[in-house]
Amino acid sequence: MKWHHVQENWSAFYEAILDRWPDADEADLEEIDGDQRAFIAYIAELTGGEPADAREEIREWLMGELPSDVVMDPRHDNHSIALSGKYVGEGEDESDDDARFGDDSADG
């Protein structure tokens, strides 16, 4: 995942952050509010390491999965639907019900 996923959905990542860094405090996370530099400094302070080490830890953490709260966000669904438009036939809209076009059978 990219940092913008984290920043745009900051509170949805609290659980994942607390799983990775159990000593983190939710009140501190609220203050950070998705600011990457503040988060790096916070993790460095929390772990007693250098900012470069914290940056690397966060980079590794970003390799993980998006939390389901983020994946299920309608904004992401709408974006995915819009991107699927290149696969939709002429005269169809990517948001239209497929059944209207006869490519879905009635018996499932």
C-alpha atoms as a PDB file:
ATOM      1  CA  MET A   1       0.000   0.000   0.000  1.00  0.00           C
ATOM      2  CA  LYS A   2       0.998   3.601  -0.395  1.00  0.00           C
ATOM      3  CA  TRP A   3       1.156   6.263   2.292  1.00  0.00           C
ATOM      4  CA  HIS A   4      -1.789   8.143   0.754  1.00  0.00           C
ATOM      5  CA  HIS A   5      -3.998   5.117   1.614  1.00  0.00           C
ATOM      6  CA  VAL A   6      -2.910   5.495   5.224  1.00  0.00           C
ATOM      7  CA  GLN A   7      -3.250   9.273   5.284  1.00  0.00           C
ATOM      8  CA  GLU A   8      -6.721   9.307   3.680  1.00  0.00           C
ATOM      9  CA  ASN A   9      -8.027   6.596   6.029  1.00  0.00           C
ATOM     10  CA  TRP A  10      -5.896   7.285   9.104  1.00  0.00           C
ATOM     11  CA  SER A  11      -8.309   6.134  11.806  1.00  0.00           C
ATOM     12  CA  ALA A  12      -8.978   2.859   9.947  1.00  0.00           C
ATOM     13  CA  PHE A  13      -5.284   2.023  10.424  1.00  0.00           C
ATOM     14  CA  TYR A  14      -5.239   2.412  14.232  1.00  0.00           C
ATOM     15  CA  GLU A  15      -5.761  -1.304  14.830  1.00  0.00           C
ATOM     16  CA  ALA A  16      -3.034  -2.269  12.349  1.00  0.00           C
ATOM     17  CA  ILE A  17      -0.655   0.279  13.907  1.00  0.00           C
ATOM     18  CA  LEU A  18      -1.403  -0.978  17.411  1.00  0.00           C
ATOM     19  CA  ASP A  19      -0.875  -4.580  16.245  1.00  0.00           C
ATOM     20  CA  ARG A  20       2.535  -3.661  14.829  1.00  0.00           C
ATOM     21  CA  TRP A  21       3.530  -1.235  17.607  1.00  0.00           C
ATOM     22  CA  PRO A  22       1.617  -2.324  20.743  1.00  0.00           C
ATOM     23  CA  ASP A  23       3.081   0.513  22.847  1.00  0.00           C
ATOM     24  CA  ALA A  24       1.526   3.132  20.568  1.00  0.00           C
ATOM     25  CA  ASP A  25      -1.235   5.220  22.088  1.00  0.00           C
ATOM     26  CA  GLU A  26      -4.482   5.938  20.255  1.00  0.00           C
ATOM     27  CA  ALA A  27      -4.578   9.519  21.566  1.00  0.00           C
ATOM     28  CA  ASP A  28      -1.107  10.111  20.104  1.00  0.00           C
ATOM     29  CA  LEU A  29      -2.243   8.607  16.798  1.00  0.00           C
ATOM     30  CA  GLU A  30      -5.190  11.015  16.737  1.00  0.00           C
ATOM     31  CA  GLU A  31      -2.765  13.934  17.127  1.00  0.00           C
ATOM     32  CA  ILE A  32      -0.565  12.640  14.299  1.00  0.00           C
ATOM     33  CA  ASP A  33      -3.636  12.544  12.021  1.00  0.00           C
ATOM     34  CA  GLY A  34      -1.900  10.844   9.088  1.00  0.00           C
ATOM     35  CA  ASP A  35       1.151  13.141   8.975  1.00  0.00           C
ATOM     36  CA  GLN A  36       3.926  10.861   7.712  1.00  0.00           C
ATOM     37  CA  ARG A  37       6.816  12.845   9.200  1.00  0.00           C
ATOM     38  CA  ALA A  38       5.104  13.021  12.586  1.00  0.00           C
ATOM     39  CA  PHE A  39       4.420   9.280  12.433  1.00  0.00           C
ATOM     40  CA  ILE A  40       8.066   8.504  11.620  1.00  0.00           C
ATOM     41  CA  ALA A  41       9.212  10.688  14.540  1.00  0.00           C
ATOM     42  CA  TYR A  42       6.633   9.042  16.811  1.00  0.00           C
ATOM     43  CA  ILE A  43       7.732   5.501  15.895  1.00  0.00           C
ATOM     44  CA  ALA A  44      11.393   6.467  16.344  1.00  0.00           C
ATOM     45  CA  GLU A  45      10.609   7.822  19.819  1.00  0.00           C
ATOM     46  CA  LEU A  46       8.419   4.827  20.652  1.00  0.00           C
ATOM     47  CA  THR A  47      11.061   2.275  19.659  1.00  0.00           C
ATOM     48  CA  GLY A  48      14.054   4.274  20.859  1.00  0.00           C
ATOM     49  CA  GLY A  49      15.574   4.108  17.386  1.00  0.00           C
ATOM     50  CA  GLU A  50      16.667   6.538  14.744  1.00  0.00           C
ATOM     51  CA  PRO A  51      14.201   8.107  12.304  1.00  0.00           C
ATOM     52  CA  ALA A  52      15.850   6.165   9.453  1.00  0.00           C
ATOM     53  CA  ASP A  53      15.142   2.904  11.291  1.00  0.00           C
ATOM     54  CA  ALA A  54      11.560   3.961  11.976  1.00  0.00           C
ATOM     55  CA  ARG A  55      11.134   4.907   8.312  1.00  0.00           C
ATOM     56  CA  GLU A  56      12.313   1.421   7.322  1.00  0.00           C
ATOM     57  CA  GLU A  57       9.958  -0.244   9.830  1.00  0.00           C
ATOM     58  CA  ILE A  58       7.060   1.770   8.445  1.00  0.00           C
ATOM     59  CA  ARG A  59       8.086   0.912   4.875  1.00  0.00           C
ATOM     60  CA  GLU A  60       7.978  -2.786   5.795  1.00  0.00           C
ATOM     61  CA  TRP A  61       4.624  -2.308   7.516  1.00  0.00           C
ATOM     62  CA  LEU A  62       3.260  -0.637   4.368  1.00  0.00           C
ATOM     63  CA  MET A  63       3.971  -3.875   2.495  1.00  0.00           C
ATOM     64  CA  GLY A  64       1.034  -5.409   4.401  1.00  0.00           C
ATOM     65  CA  GLU A  65      -2.615  -5.532   3.478  1.00  0.00           C
ATOM     66  CA  LEU A  66      -5.068  -2.671   3.590  1.00  0.00           C
ATOM     67  CA  PRO A  67      -7.486  -2.960   6.518  1.00  0.00           C
ATOM     68  CA  SER A  68     -10.947  -4.164   5.506  1.00  0.00           C
ATOM     69  CA  ASP A  69     -12.441  -0.801   6.552  1.00  0.00           C
ATOM     70  CA  VAL A  70     -10.382   0.806   3.815  1.00  0.00           C
ATOM     71  CA  VAL A  71     -10.952  -1.880   1.194  1.00  0.00           C
ATOM     72  CA  MET A  72     -14.724  -1.766   1.757  1.00  0.00           C
ATOM     73  CA  ASP A  73     -14.890   2.027   1.537  1.00  0.00           C
ATOM     74  CA  PRO A  74     -17.395   3.055  -1.176  1.00  0.00           C
ATOM     75  CA  ARG A  75     -14.920   5.641  -2.492  1.00  0.00           C
ATOM     76  CA  HIS A  76     -12.625   2.777  -3.509  1.00  0.00           C
ATOM     77  CA  ASP A  77     -15.521   0.829  -5.026  1.00  0.00           C
ATOM     78  CA  ASN A  78     -16.582   3.820  -7.111  1.00  0.00           C
ATOM     79  CA  HIS A  79     -13.012   4.337  -8.296  1.00  0.00           C
ATOM     80  CA  SER A  80     -12.730   0.657  -9.285  1.00  0.00           C
ATOM     81  CA  ILE A  81     -16.042   0.804 -11.120  1.00  0.00           C
ATOM     82  CA  ALA A  82     -14.906   3.884 -13.024  1.00  0.00           C
ATOM     83  CA  LEU A  83     -11.668   2.151 -14.011  1.00  0.00           C
ATOM     84  CA  SER A  84     -13.636  -0.845 -15.292  1.00  0.00           C
ATOM     85  CA  GLY A  85     -15.255   1.414 -17.884  1.00  0.00           C
ATOM     86  CA  LYS A  86     -12.628   0.477 -20.456  1.00  0.00           C
ATOM     87  CA  TYR A  87     -14.011  -3.081 -20.453  1.00  0.00           C
ATOM     88  CA  VAL A  88     -17.657  -2.059 -20.898  1.00  0.00           C
ATOM     89  CA  GLY A  89     -19.244  -2.337 -24.330  1.00  0.00           C
ATOM     90  CA  GLU A  90     -20.506   0.546 -26.395  1.00  0.00           C
ATOM     91  CA  GLY A  91     -23.862   1.860 -25.201  1.00  0.00           C
ATOM     92  CA  GLU A  92     -23.309   0.478 -21.710  1.00  0.00           C
ATOM     93  CA  ASP A  93     -22.379   2.432 -18.627  1.00  0.00           C
ATOM     94  CA  GLU A  94     -19.983   0.891 -16.073  1.00  0.00           C
ATOM     95  CA  SER A  95     -22.568   1.470 -13.324  1.00  0.00           C
ATOM     96  CA  ASP A  96     -25.460  -0.170 -15.175  1.00  0.00           C
ATOM     97  CA  ASP A  97     -26.978  -3.444 -14.014  1.00  0.00           C
ATOM     98  CA  ASP A  98     -25.595  -6.270 -16.180  1.00  0.00           C
ATOM     99  CA  ALA A  99     -29.001  -7.982 -16.305  1.00  0.00           C
ATOM    100  CA  ARG A 100     -30.296  -5.115 -18.432  1.00  0.00           C
ATOM    101  CA  PHE A 101     -27.924  -6.132 -21.205  1.00  0.00           C
ATOM    102  CA  GLY A 102     -28.732  -9.845 -21.223  1.00  0.00           C
ATOM    103  CA  ASP A 103     -25.251 -11.056 -20.274  1.00  0.00           C
ATOM    104  CA  ASP A 104     -26.429 -12.460 -16.921  1.00  0.00           C
ATOM    105  CA  SER A 105     -28.659 -15.519 -16.965  1.00  0.00           C
ATOM    106  CA  ALA A 106     -31.825 -15.435 -14.878  1.00  0.00           C
ATOM    107  CA  ASP A 107     -30.933 -18.754 -13.180  1.00  0.00           C
ATOM    108  CA  GLY A 108     -27.630 -17.458 -11.858  1.00  0.00           C
END
